[in-house]
PDB file of N, CA and C in Angstrom:
ATOM      1  N   UNK A   1      68.950 101.677  85.172  1.00  0.00           N
ATOM      2  CA  UNK A   1      69.245 101.135  86.475  1.00  0.00           C
ATOM      3  C   UNK A   1      70.315 101.965  87.143  1.00  0.00           C
ATOM      4  N   UNK A   2      70.227 102.041  88.425  1.00  0.00           N
ATOM      5  CA  UNK A   2      71.226 102.797  89.160  1.00  0.00           C
ATOM      6  C   UNK A   2      72.086 101.858  89.977  1.00  0.00           C
ATOM      7  N   UNK A   3      73.201 102.364  90.330  1.00  0.00           N
ATOM      8  CA  UNK A   3      74.140 101.598  91.149  1.00  0.00           C
ATOM      9  C   UNK A   3      73.679 101.697  92.589  1.00  0.00           C
ATOM     10  N   UNK A   4      73.073 100.632  93.102  1.00  0.00           N
ATOM     11  CA  UNK A   4      72.610 100.668  94.481  1.00  0.00           C
ATOM     12  C   UNK A   4      73.521  99.801  95.333  1.00  0.00           C
ATOM     13  N   UNK A   5      74.210 100.452  96.229  1.00  0.00           N
ATOM     14  CA  UNK A   5      75.130  99.742  97.103  1.00  0.00           C
ATOM     15  C   UNK A   5      74.862 100.140  98.531  1.00  0.00           C
ATOM     16  N   UNK A   6      75.030  99.217  99.454  1.00  0.00           N
ATOM     17  CA  UNK A   6      74.919  99.585 100.870  1.00  0.00           C
ATOM     18  C   UNK A   6      75.987 100.610 101.239  1.00  0.00           C
ATOM     19  N   UNK A   7      75.759 101.339 102.293  1.00  0.00           N
ATOM     20  CA  UNK A   7      76.708 102.368 102.717  1.00  0.00           C
ATOM     21  C   UNK A   7      78.085 101.797 103.018  1.00  0.00           C
ATOM     22  N   UNK A   8      78.146 100.539 103.413  1.00  0.00           N
ATOM     23  CA  UNK A   8      79.428  99.952 103.784  1.00  0.00           C
ATOM     24  C   UNK A   8      80.252  99.511 102.572  1.00  0.00           C
ATOM     25  N   UNK A   9      79.658  99.541 101.372  1.00  0.00           N
ATOM     26  CA  UNK A   9      80.372  99.119 100.166  1.00  0.00           C
ATOM     27  C   UNK A   9      80.730 100.351  99.349  1.00  0.00           C
ATOM     28  N   UNK A  10      82.020 100.511  99.085  1.00  0.00           N
ATOM     29  CA  UNK A  10      82.478 101.634  98.279  1.00  0.00           C
ATOM     30  C   UNK A  10      82.438 101.227  96.813  1.00  0.00           C
ATOM     31  N   UNK A  11      82.250 102.176  95.866  1.00  0.00           N
ATOM     32  CA  UNK A  11      82.266 101.835  94.436  1.00  0.00           C
ATOM     33  C   UNK A  11      83.551 101.125  94.025  1.00  0.00           C
ATOM     34  N   UNK A  12      84.674 101.417  94.687  1.00  0.00           N
ATOM     35  CA  UNK A  12      85.926 100.766  94.336  1.00  0.00           C
ATOM     36  C   UNK A  12      85.928  99.288  94.717  1.00  0.00           C
ATOM     37  N   UNK A  13      84.979  98.862  95.571  1.00  0.00           N
ATOM     38  CA  UNK A  13      84.871  97.458  95.967  1.00  0.00           C
ATOM     39  C   UNK A  13      84.070  96.637  94.961  1.00  0.00           C
ATOM     40  N   UNK A  14      83.375  97.292  94.057  1.00  0.00           N
ATOM     41  CA  UNK A  14      82.523  96.603  93.102  1.00  0.00           C
ATOM     42  C   UNK A  14      83.386  96.029  91.990  1.00  0.00           C
ATOM     43  N   UNK A  15      83.149  94.792  91.633  1.00  0.00           N
ATOM     44  CA  UNK A  15      83.935  94.116  90.602  1.00  0.00           C
ATOM     45  C   UNK A  15      83.228  94.059  89.258  1.00  0.00           C
ATOM     46  N   UNK A  16      81.896  94.113  89.248  1.00  0.00           N
ATOM     47  CA  UNK A  16      81.133  94.046  88.001  1.00  0.00           C
ATOM     48  C   UNK A  16      80.147  95.199  87.930  1.00  0.00           C
ATOM     49  N   UNK A  17      80.096  95.844  86.777  1.00  0.00           N
ATOM     50  CA  UNK A  17      79.205  96.984  86.575  1.00  0.00           C
ATOM     51  C   UNK A  17      78.226  96.690  85.446  1.00  0.00           C
ATOM     52  N   UNK A  18      76.985  97.060  85.644  1.00  0.00           N
ATOM     53  CA  UNK A  18      76.005  96.983  84.564  1.00  0.00           C
ATOM     54  C   UNK A  18      76.314  98.108  83.582  1.00  0.00           C
ATOM     55  N   UNK A  19      75.750  98.002  82.388  1.00  0.00           N
ATOM     56  CA  UNK A  19      76.018  98.989  81.340  1.00  0.00           C
ATOM     57  C   UNK A  19      75.701 100.421  81.810  1.00  0.00           C
ATOM     58  N   UNK A  20      74.534 100.682  82.425  1.00  0.00           N
ATOM     59  CA  UNK A  20      74.275 102.061  82.884  1.00  0.00           C
ATOM     60  C   UNK A  20      75.306 102.574  83.889  1.00  0.00           C
ATOM     61  N   UNK A  21      75.816 101.675  84.734  1.00  0.00           N
ATOM     62  CA  UNK A  21      76.840 102.075  85.702  1.00  0.00           C
ATOM     63  C   UNK A  21      78.137 102.421  84.983  1.00  0.00           C
ATOM     64  N   UNK A  22      78.512 101.599  83.995  1.00  0.00           N
ATOM     65  CA  UNK A  22      79.720 101.869  83.209  1.00  0.00           C
ATOM     66  C   UNK A  22      79.560 103.163  82.424  1.00  0.00           C
ATOM     67  N   UNK A  23      78.354 103.412  81.911  1.00  0.00           N
ATOM     68  CA  UNK A  23      78.093 104.664  81.190  1.00  0.00           C
ATOM     69  C   UNK A  23      78.372 105.859  82.089  1.00  0.00           C
ATOM     70  N   UNK A  24      77.903 105.781  83.321  1.00  0.00           N
ATOM     71  CA  UNK A  24      78.091 106.887  84.267  1.00  0.00           C
ATOM     72  C   UNK A  24      79.560 107.023  84.656  1.00  0.00           C
ATOM     73  N   UNK A  25      80.234 105.913  84.927  1.00  0.00           N
ATOM     74  CA  UNK A  25      81.642 105.959  85.324  1.00  0.00           C
ATOM     75  C   UNK A  25      82.533 106.510  84.219  1.00  0.00           C
ATOM     76  N   UNK A  26      82.281 106.077  82.987  1.00  0.00           N
ATOM     77  CA  UNK A  26      83.123 106.484  81.861  1.00  0.00           C
ATOM     78  C   UNK A  26      82.603 107.726  81.146  1.00  0.00           C
ATOM     79  N   UNK A  27      81.409 108.170  81.541  1.00  0.00           N
ATOM     80  CA  UNK A  27      80.772 109.337  80.917  1.00  0.00           C
ATOM     81  C   UNK A  27      80.669 109.148  79.398  1.00  0.00           C
ATOM     82  N   UNK A  28      80.129 107.979  79.029  1.00  0.00           N
ATOM     83  CA  UNK A  28      79.970 107.615  77.624  1.00  0.00           C
ATOM     84  C   UNK A  28      78.527 107.204  77.383  1.00  0.00           C
ATOM     85  N   UNK A  29      78.090 107.317  76.135  1.00  0.00           N
ATOM     86  CA  UNK A  29      76.743 106.901  75.779  1.00  0.00           C
ATOM     87  C   UNK A  29      76.659 105.374  75.719  1.00  0.00           C
ATOM     88  N   UNK A  30      75.446 104.874  75.768  1.00  0.00           N
ATOM     89  CA  UNK A  30      75.206 103.437  75.680  1.00  0.00           C
ATOM     90  C   UNK A  30      75.769 102.863  74.382  1.00  0.00           C
ATOM     91  N   UNK A  31      75.509 103.549  73.278  1.00  0.00           N
ATOM     92  CA  UNK A  31      75.977 103.034  71.986  1.00  0.00           C
ATOM     93  C   UNK A  31      77.504 103.012  71.916  1.00  0.00           C
ATOM     94  N   UNK A  32      78.158 103.996  72.501  1.00  0.00           N
ATOM     95  CA  UNK A  32      79.619 104.019  72.495  1.00  0.00           C
ATOM     96  C   UNK A  32      80.189 102.914  73.396  1.00  0.00           C
ATOM     97  N   UNK A  33      79.543 102.659  74.521  1.00  0.00           N
ATOM     98  CA  UNK A  33      79.967 101.546  75.385  1.00  0.00           C
ATOM     99  C   UNK A  33      79.913 100.243  74.603  1.00  0.00           C
ATOM    100  N   UNK A  34      78.783  99.981  73.938  1.00  0.00           N
ATOM    101  CA  UNK A  34      78.647  98.736  73.183  1.00  0.00           C
ATOM    102  C   UNK A  34      79.612  98.680  72.005  1.00  0.00           C
ATOM    103  N   UNK A  35      79.901  99.807  71.390  1.00  0.00           N
ATOM    104  CA  UNK A  35      80.878  99.838  70.290  1.00  0.00           C
ATOM    105  C   UNK A  35      82.265  99.459  70.808  1.00  0.00           C
ATOM    106  N   UNK A  36      82.635  99.982  71.971  1.00  0.00           N
ATOM    107  CA  UNK A  36      83.939  99.667  72.545  1.00  0.00           C
ATOM    108  C   UNK A  36      84.017  98.191  72.952  1.00  0.00           C
ATOM    109  N   UNK A  37      82.912  97.635  73.421  1.00  0.00           N
ATOM    110  CA  UNK A  37      82.863  96.204  73.745  1.00  0.00           C
ATOM    111  C   UNK A  37      83.020  95.390  72.464  1.00  0.00           C
ATOM    112  N   UNK A  38      82.273  95.757  71.434  1.00  0.00           N
ATOM    113  CA  UNK A  38      82.289  95.036  70.161  1.00  0.00           C
ATOM    114  C   UNK A  38      83.678  95.014  69.532  1.00  0.00           C
ATOM    115  N   UNK A  39      84.411  96.121  69.650  1.00  0.00           N
ATOM    116  CA  UNK A  39      85.744  96.196  69.056  1.00  0.00           C
ATOM    117  C   UNK A  39      86.823  95.596  69.954  1.00  0.00           C
ATOM    118  N   UNK A  40      86.446  95.198  71.176  1.00  0.00           N
ATOM    119  CA  UNK A  40      87.396  94.565  72.076  1.00  0.00           C
ATOM    120  C   UNK A  40      88.210  95.533  72.915  1.00  0.00           C
ATOM    121  N   UNK A  41      87.905  96.811  72.839  1.00  0.00           N
ATOM    122  CA  UNK A  41      88.639  97.807  73.615  1.00  0.00           C
ATOM    123  C   UNK A  41      88.180  97.840  75.073  1.00  0.00           C
ATOM    124  N   UNK A  42      86.941  97.453  75.323  1.00  0.00           N
ATOM    125  CA  UNK A  42      86.374  97.426  76.671  1.00  0.00           C
ATOM    126  C   UNK A  42      85.908  96.000  76.936  1.00  0.00           C
ATOM    127  N   UNK A  43      86.524  95.357  77.909  1.00  0.00           N
ATOM    128  CA  UNK A  43      86.204  93.960  78.200  1.00  0.00           C
ATOM    129  C   UNK A  43      84.933  93.846  79.026  1.00  0.00           C
ATOM    130  N   UNK A  44      84.176  92.793  78.725  1.00  0.00           N
ATOM    131  CA  UNK A  44      82.948  92.539  79.463  1.00  0.00           C
ATOM    132  C   UNK A  44      82.737  91.041  79.587  1.00  0.00           C
ATOM    133  N   UNK A  45      81.779  90.683  80.426  1.00  0.00           N
ATOM    134  CA  UNK A  45      81.387  89.290  80.606  1.00  0.00           C
ATOM    135  C   UNK A  45      79.869  89.226  80.542  1.00  0.00           C
ATOM    136  N   UNK A  46      79.357  88.027  80.332  1.00  0.00           N
ATOM    137  CA  UNK A  46      77.908  87.835  80.352  1.00  0.00           C
ATOM    138  C   UNK A  46      77.537  86.970  81.542  1.00  0.00           C
ATOM    139  N   UNK A  47      76.494  87.369  82.220  1.00  0.00           N
ATOM    140  CA  UNK A  47      75.902  86.590  83.301  1.00  0.00           C
ATOM    141  C   UNK A  47      74.446  86.416  82.913  1.00  0.00           C
ATOM    142  N   UNK A  48      74.110  85.238  82.408  1.00  0.00           N
ATOM    143  CA  UNK A  48      72.762  85.048  81.881  1.00  0.00           C
ATOM    144  C   UNK A  48      72.589  85.935  80.664  1.00  0.00           C
ATOM    145  N   UNK A  49      71.590  86.786  80.689  1.00  0.00           N
ATOM    146  CA  UNK A  49      71.367  87.720  79.578  1.00  0.00           C
ATOM    147  C   UNK A  49      72.017  89.077  79.816  1.00  0.00           C
ATOM    148  N   UNK A  50      72.556  89.286  81.004  1.00  0.00           N
ATOM    149  CA  UNK A  50      73.139  90.587  81.354  1.00  0.00           C
ATOM    150  C   UNK A  50      74.581  90.692  80.879  1.00  0.00           C
ATOM    151  N   UNK A  51      74.913  91.822  80.299  1.00  0.00           N
ATOM    152  CA  UNK A  51      76.285  92.140  79.920  1.00  0.00           C
ATOM    153  C   UNK A  51      76.855  92.981  81.050  1.00  0.00           C
ATOM    154  N   UNK A  52      77.989  92.556  81.605  1.00  0.00           N
ATOM    155  CA  UNK A  52      78.610  93.247  82.731  1.00  0.00           C
ATOM    156  C   UNK A  52      80.032  93.636  82.376  1.00  0.00           C
ATOM    157  N   UNK A  53      80.435  94.799  82.825  1.00  0.00           N
ATOM    158  CA  UNK A  53      81.785  95.294  82.600  1.00  0.00           C
ATOM    159  C   UNK A  53      82.581  95.034  83.873  1.00  0.00           C
ATOM    160  N   UNK A  54      83.737  94.415  83.734  1.00  0.00           N
ATOM    161  CA  UNK A  54      84.564  94.152  84.910  1.00  0.00           C
ATOM    162  C   UNK A  54      85.277  95.427  85.355  1.00  0.00           C
ATOM    163  N   UNK A  55      85.592  95.486  86.636  1.00  0.00           N
ATOM    164  CA  UNK A  55      86.347  96.631  87.157  1.00  0.00           C
ATOM    165  C   UNK A  55      87.706  96.708  86.459  1.00  0.00           C
ATOM    166  N   UNK A  56      88.336  95.557  86.221  1.00  0.00           N
ATOM    167  CA  UNK A  56      89.618  95.540  85.510  1.00  0.00           C
ATOM    168  C   UNK A  56      89.439  96.030  84.082  1.00  0.00           C
ATOM    169  N   UNK A  57      88.312  95.691  83.470  1.00  0.00           N
ATOM    170  CA  UNK A  57      88.037  96.150  82.110  1.00  0.00           C
ATOM    171  C   UNK A  57      87.960  97.670  82.047  1.00  0.00           C
ATOM    172  N   UNK A  58      87.327  98.273  83.037  1.00  0.00           N
ATOM    173  CA  UNK A  58      87.222  99.734  83.082  1.00  0.00           C
ATOM    174  C   UNK A  58      88.593 100.357  83.296  1.00  0.00           C
ATOM    175  N   UNK A  59      89.364  99.812  84.228  1.00  0.00           N
ATOM    176  CA  UNK A  59      90.708 100.343  84.498  1.00  0.00           C
ATOM    177  C   UNK A  59      91.608 100.180  83.270  1.00  0.00           C
ATOM    178  N   UNK A  60      91.521  99.019  82.614  1.00  0.00           N
ATOM    179  CA  UNK A  60      92.334  98.783  81.415  1.00  0.00           C
ATOM    180  C   UNK A  60      91.934  99.712  80.274  1.00  0.00           C
ATOM    181  N   UNK A  61      90.638  99.981  80.152  1.00  0.00           N
ATOM    182  CA  UNK A  61      90.163 100.881  79.102  1.00  0.00           C
ATOM    183  C   UNK A  61      90.689 102.299  79.339  1.00  0.00           C
ATOM    184  N   UNK A  62      90.659 102.745  80.576  1.00  0.00           N
ATOM    185  CA  UNK A  62      91.181 104.077  80.905  1.00  0.00           C
ATOM    186  C   UNK A  62      92.679 104.133  80.623  1.00  0.00           C
ATOM    187  N   UNK A  63      93.404 103.080  80.975  1.00  0.00           N
ATOM    188  CA  UNK A  63      94.847 103.023  80.692  1.00  0.00           C
ATOM    189  C   UNK A  63      95.095 103.060  79.184  1.00  0.00           C
ATOM    190  N   UNK A  64      94.248 102.382  78.413  1.00  0.00           N
ATOM    191  CA  UNK A  64      94.366 102.399  76.955  1.00  0.00           C
ATOM    192  C   UNK A  64      94.179 103.813  76.414  1.00  0.00           C
ATOM    193  N   UNK A  65      93.186 104.509  76.924  1.00  0.00           N
ATOM    194  CA  UNK A  65      92.937 105.900  76.492  1.00  0.00           C
ATOM    195  C   UNK A  65      94.119 106.797  76.841  1.00  0.00           C
ATOM    196  N   UNK A  66      94.680 106.604  78.030  1.00  0.00           N
ATOM    197  CA  UNK A  66      95.846 107.404  78.439  1.00  0.00           C
ATOM    198  C   UNK A  66      97.032 107.123  77.537  1.00  0.00           C
ATOM    199  N   UNK A  67      97.257 105.851  77.216  1.00  0.00           N
ATOM    200  CA  UNK A  67      98.372 105.487  76.338  1.00  0.00           C
ATOM    201  C   UNK A  67      98.187 106.082  74.946  1.00  0.00           C
ATOM    202  N   UNK A  68      96.967 106.006  74.421  1.00  0.00           N
ATOM    203  CA  UNK A  68      96.691 106.579  73.108  1.00  0.00           C
ATOM    204  C   UNK A  68      96.911 108.091  73.114  1.00  0.00           C
ATOM    205  N   UNK A  69      96.563 108.757  74.212  1.00  0.00           N
ATOM    206  CA  UNK A  69      96.761 110.197  74.328  1.00  0.00           C
ATOM    207  C   UNK A  69      98.260 110.535  74.357  1.00  0.00           C
ATOM    208  N   UNK A  70      99.033 109.719  75.076  1.00  0.00           N
ATOM    209  CA  UNK A  70     100.484 109.943  75.135  1.00  0.00           C
ATOM    210  C   UNK A  70     101.123 109.715  73.769  1.00  0.00           C
ATOM    211  N   UNK A  71     100.699 108.655  73.074  1.00  0.00           N
ATOM    212  CA  UNK A  71     101.245 108.351  71.760  1.00  0.00           C
ATOM    213  C   UNK A  71     100.919 109.434  70.729  1.00  0.00           C
ATOM    214  N   UNK A  72      99.757 110.068  70.897  1.00  0.00           N
ATOM    215  CA  UNK A  72      99.342 111.099  69.954  1.00  0.00           C
ATOM    216  C   UNK A  72     100.088 112.417  70.195  1.00  0.00           C
ATOM    217  N   UNK A  73     100.614 112.579  71.387  1.00  0.00           N
ATOM    218  CA  UNK A  73     101.291 113.838  71.731  1.00  0.00           C
ATOM    219  C   UNK A  73     102.704 113.885  71.216  1.00  0.00           C
TER     220      UNK A  73
END
């Protein structure tokens, strides 16, 4: 699935991302996305049968990666 948004909606306005959208944003494979969800490093919610990644979850995950990089240095 692709991220289909009207021209008036910017990606930064989106609050929930489907797995393929999160894969593209984070440049990660599907299996790695699900692994990060399973371990609690990437927060998600369920809507019916769909697993959705919150915008805050993506931002928090990136912040976590940055912190881990700083700690390793």
